[in-house]
Amino acid sequence: MSEKDNKGLFGLFRKKEEEDQKSEAKPFITADIDKAKADMVLKQKEIVKKKKAMEVKKHTVVAGDTLSAISKKYYDDANKYMKIYEANKDVIGGDPNMIKPGQELVIPKL
């Protein structure tokens, strides 16, 4: 065999070896991509969950409303009216008994 033939044969072996390495690497690459996609989906779900947790309920006061009644409606506990008052002092003013129709109150999460 000539030196040229040797290079050709070695070249073929080298090419076959490179192809084998590429095919062995594909499952790992695919697994990495799948893991990255799964991680991304989990992060997106966490973001949606956090956004929902941050969403604030609001209540527009109507005639006859009291903070206790509003508290009962949203918390099932009329005694938690001070949570609503504390979150809305700037809207209500200094007296929690003086809410007025049309005021928009933030209902904080407990």
C-alpha atoms as a PDB file:
ATOM      1  CA  MET A   1       0.000   0.000   0.000  1.00  0.00           C
ATOM      2  CA  SER A   2       1.149   3.472  -0.721  1.00  0.00           C
ATOM      3  CA  GLU A   3       1.298   6.285   1.791  1.00  0.00           C
ATOM      4  CA  LYS A   4      -1.641   7.895   0.008  1.00  0.00           C
ATOM      5  CA  ASP A   5      -3.726   4.747   0.556  1.00  0.00           C
ATOM      6  CA  ASN A   6      -2.804   4.746   4.258  1.00  0.00           C
ATOM      7  CA  LYS A   7      -4.006   8.321   4.672  1.00  0.00           C
ATOM      8  CA  GLY A   8      -7.194   7.375   2.880  1.00  0.00           C
ATOM      9  CA  LEU A   9      -7.814   4.398   5.123  1.00  0.00           C
ATOM     10  CA  PHE A  10      -6.924   6.316   8.257  1.00  0.00           C
ATOM     11  CA  GLY A  11      -9.131   9.118   7.034  1.00  0.00           C
ATOM     12  CA  LEU A  12     -12.028   6.680   6.670  1.00  0.00           C
ATOM     13  CA  PHE A  13     -11.424   5.276  10.155  1.00  0.00           C
ATOM     14  CA  ARG A  14     -11.200   8.780  11.582  1.00  0.00           C
ATOM     15  CA  LYS A  15     -14.404   9.822   9.810  1.00  0.00           C
ATOM     16  CA  LYS A  16     -16.217   6.696  11.114  1.00  0.00           C
ATOM     17  CA  GLU A  17     -14.911   7.399  14.622  1.00  0.00           C
ATOM     18  CA  GLU A  18     -16.178  11.007  14.468  1.00  0.00           C
ATOM     19  CA  GLU A  19     -19.601   9.839  13.271  1.00  0.00           C
ATOM     20  CA  ASP A  20     -19.779   7.336  16.132  1.00  0.00           C
ATOM     21  CA  GLN A  21     -18.905  10.046  18.646  1.00  0.00           C
ATOM     22  CA  LYS A  22     -21.591  12.340  17.235  1.00  0.00           C
ATOM     23  CA  SER A  23     -24.257   9.640  17.397  1.00  0.00           C
ATOM     24  CA  GLU A  24     -23.267   8.802  20.988  1.00  0.00           C
ATOM     25  CA  ALA A  25     -23.521  12.468  21.962  1.00  0.00           C
ATOM     26  CA  LYS A  26     -27.032  12.978  20.525  1.00  0.00           C
ATOM     27  CA  PRO A  27     -28.935  11.217  23.343  1.00  0.00           C
ATOM     28  CA  PHE A  28     -27.110  13.358  25.884  1.00  0.00           C
ATOM     29  CA  ILE A  29     -27.804  16.538  23.941  1.00  0.00           C
ATOM     30  CA  THR A  30     -31.467  15.594  23.556  1.00  0.00           C
ATOM     31  CA  ALA A  31     -31.703  14.787  27.262  1.00  0.00           C
ATOM     32  CA  ASP A  32     -30.122  18.154  28.115  1.00  0.00           C
ATOM     33  CA  ILE A  33     -32.581  19.962  25.848  1.00  0.00           C
ATOM     34  CA  ASP A  34     -35.517  18.064  27.357  1.00  0.00           C
ATOM     35  CA  LYS A  35     -34.334  18.912  30.859  1.00  0.00           C
ATOM     36  CA  ALA A  36     -33.907  22.570  29.913  1.00  0.00           C
ATOM     37  CA  LYS A  37     -37.439  22.639  28.474  1.00  0.00           C
ATOM     38  CA  ALA A  38     -38.851  21.008  31.604  1.00  0.00           C
ATOM     39  CA  ASP A  39     -36.993  23.502  33.801  1.00  0.00           C
ATOM     40  CA  MET A  40     -38.337  26.378  31.711  1.00  0.00           C
ATOM     41  CA  VAL A  41     -41.921  25.093  32.005  1.00  0.00           C
ATOM     42  CA  LEU A  42     -41.531  24.785  35.787  1.00  0.00           C
ATOM     43  CA  LYS A  43     -40.192  28.336  36.021  1.00  0.00           C
ATOM     44  CA  GLN A  44     -43.091  29.628  33.921  1.00  0.00           C
ATOM     45  CA  LYS A  45     -45.566  27.860  36.213  1.00  0.00           C
ATOM     46  CA  GLU A  46     -43.859  29.382  39.255  1.00  0.00           C
ATOM     47  CA  ILE A  47     -44.071  32.845  37.672  1.00  0.00           C
ATOM     48  CA  VAL A  48     -47.785  32.407  36.950  1.00  0.00           C
ATOM     49  CA  LYS A  49     -48.350  31.196  40.519  1.00  0.00           C
ATOM     50  CA  LYS A  50     -46.482  34.208  41.944  1.00  0.00           C
ATOM     51  CA  LYS A  51     -48.435  36.601  39.716  1.00  0.00           C
ATOM     52  CA  LYS A  52     -51.707  35.094  40.887  1.00  0.00           C
ATOM     53  CA  ALA A  53     -50.572  35.421  44.488  1.00  0.00           C
ATOM     54  CA  MET A  54     -49.736  39.061  43.861  1.00  0.00           C
ATOM     55  CA  GLU A  55     -53.097  39.814  42.259  1.00  0.00           C
ATOM     56  CA  VAL A  56     -55.065  42.036  44.546  1.00  0.00           C
ATOM     57  CA  LYS A  57     -58.790  41.809  44.996  1.00  0.00           C
ATOM     58  CA  LYS A  58     -60.693  45.074  45.061  1.00  0.00           C
ATOM     59  CA  HIS A  59     -64.089  45.963  46.403  1.00  0.00           C
ATOM     60  CA  THR A  60     -66.139  49.003  45.513  1.00  0.00           C
ATOM     61  CA  VAL A  61     -68.124  50.190  48.504  1.00  0.00           C
ATOM     62  CA  VAL A  62     -71.898  50.369  48.067  1.00  0.00           C
ATOM     63  CA  ALA A  63     -74.492  51.929  50.364  1.00  0.00           C
ATOM     64  CA  GLY A  64     -74.908  49.845  53.512  1.00  0.00           C
ATOM     65  CA  ASP A  65     -71.419  48.250  53.357  1.00  0.00           C
ATOM     66  CA  THR A  66     -69.336  48.028  56.510  1.00  0.00           C
ATOM     67  CA  LEU A  67     -65.745  46.867  56.826  1.00  0.00           C
ATOM     68  CA  SER A  68     -67.008  43.971  58.950  1.00  0.00           C
ATOM     69  CA  ALA A  69     -69.430  42.862  56.234  1.00  0.00           C
ATOM     70  CA  ILE A  70     -66.730  43.202  53.573  1.00  0.00           C
ATOM     71  CA  SER A  71     -64.338  41.228  55.779  1.00  0.00           C
ATOM     72  CA  LYS A  72     -66.967  38.514  56.224  1.00  0.00           C
ATOM     73  CA  LYS A  73     -67.474  38.361  52.460  1.00  0.00           C
ATOM     74  CA  TYR A  74     -63.790  37.965  51.572  1.00  0.00           C
ATOM     75  CA  TYR A  75     -62.331  36.281  54.661  1.00  0.00           C
ATOM     76  CA  ASP A  76     -65.334  34.502  56.182  1.00  0.00           C
ATOM     77  CA  ASP A  77     -64.464  36.377  59.361  1.00  0.00           C
ATOM     78  CA  ALA A  78     -65.983  39.765  60.199  1.00  0.00           C
ATOM     79  CA  ASN A  79     -63.345  40.352  62.882  1.00  0.00           C
ATOM     80  CA  LYS A  80     -60.564  40.731  60.303  1.00  0.00           C
ATOM     81  CA  TYR A  81     -61.951  44.074  59.131  1.00  0.00           C
ATOM     82  CA  MET A  82     -58.860  45.871  60.480  1.00  0.00           C
ATOM     83  CA  LYS A  83     -56.719  44.144  57.814  1.00  0.00           C
ATOM     84  CA  ILE A  84     -58.845  45.835  55.183  1.00  0.00           C
ATOM     85  CA  TYR A  85     -58.783  49.125  57.072  1.00  0.00           C
ATOM     86  CA  GLU A  86     -54.986  49.085  57.462  1.00  0.00           C
ATOM     87  CA  ALA A  87     -54.577  48.448  53.730  1.00  0.00           C
ATOM     88  CA  ASN A  88     -56.941  51.322  52.879  1.00  0.00           C
ATOM     89  CA  LYS A  89     -56.318  54.058  55.482  1.00  0.00           C
ATOM     90  CA  ASP A  90     -55.383  56.497  52.739  1.00  0.00           C
ATOM     91  CA  VAL A  91     -58.780  55.946  51.066  1.00  0.00           C
ATOM     92  CA  ILE A  92     -60.965  55.620  54.181  1.00  0.00           C
ATOM     93  CA  GLY A  93     -59.345  58.170  56.437  1.00  0.00           C
ATOM     94  CA  GLY A  94     -58.990  58.093  60.216  1.00  0.00           C
ATOM     95  CA  ASP A  95     -62.268  56.360  61.091  1.00  0.00           C
ATOM     96  CA  PRO A  96     -62.849  52.774  59.918  1.00  0.00           C
ATOM     97  CA  ASN A  97     -66.606  53.297  60.385  1.00  0.00           C
ATOM     98  CA  MET A  98     -66.715  56.036  57.754  1.00  0.00           C
ATOM     99  CA  ILE A  99     -66.514  54.208  54.449  1.00  0.00           C
ATOM    100  CA  LYS A 100     -68.437  55.807  51.597  1.00  0.00           C
ATOM    101  CA  PRO A 101     -70.137  54.404  48.495  1.00  0.00           C
ATOM    102  CA  GLY A 102     -67.861  54.518  45.475  1.00  0.00           C
ATOM    103  CA  GLN A 103     -64.614  54.053  47.422  1.00  0.00           C
ATOM    104  CA  GLU A 104     -62.455  51.332  45.932  1.00  0.00           C
ATOM    105  CA  LEU A 105     -60.857  49.223  48.638  1.00  0.00           C
ATOM    106  CA  VAL A 106     -57.946  46.839  48.291  1.00  0.00           C
ATOM    107  CA  ILE A 107     -58.641  43.459  49.886  1.00  0.00           C
ATOM    108  CA  PRO A 108     -55.236  42.214  51.052  1.00  0.00           C
ATOM    109  CA  LYS A 109     -54.329  38.547  51.146  1.00  0.00           C
ATOM    110  CA  LEU A 110     -54.147  37.035  54.588  1.00  0.00           C
END
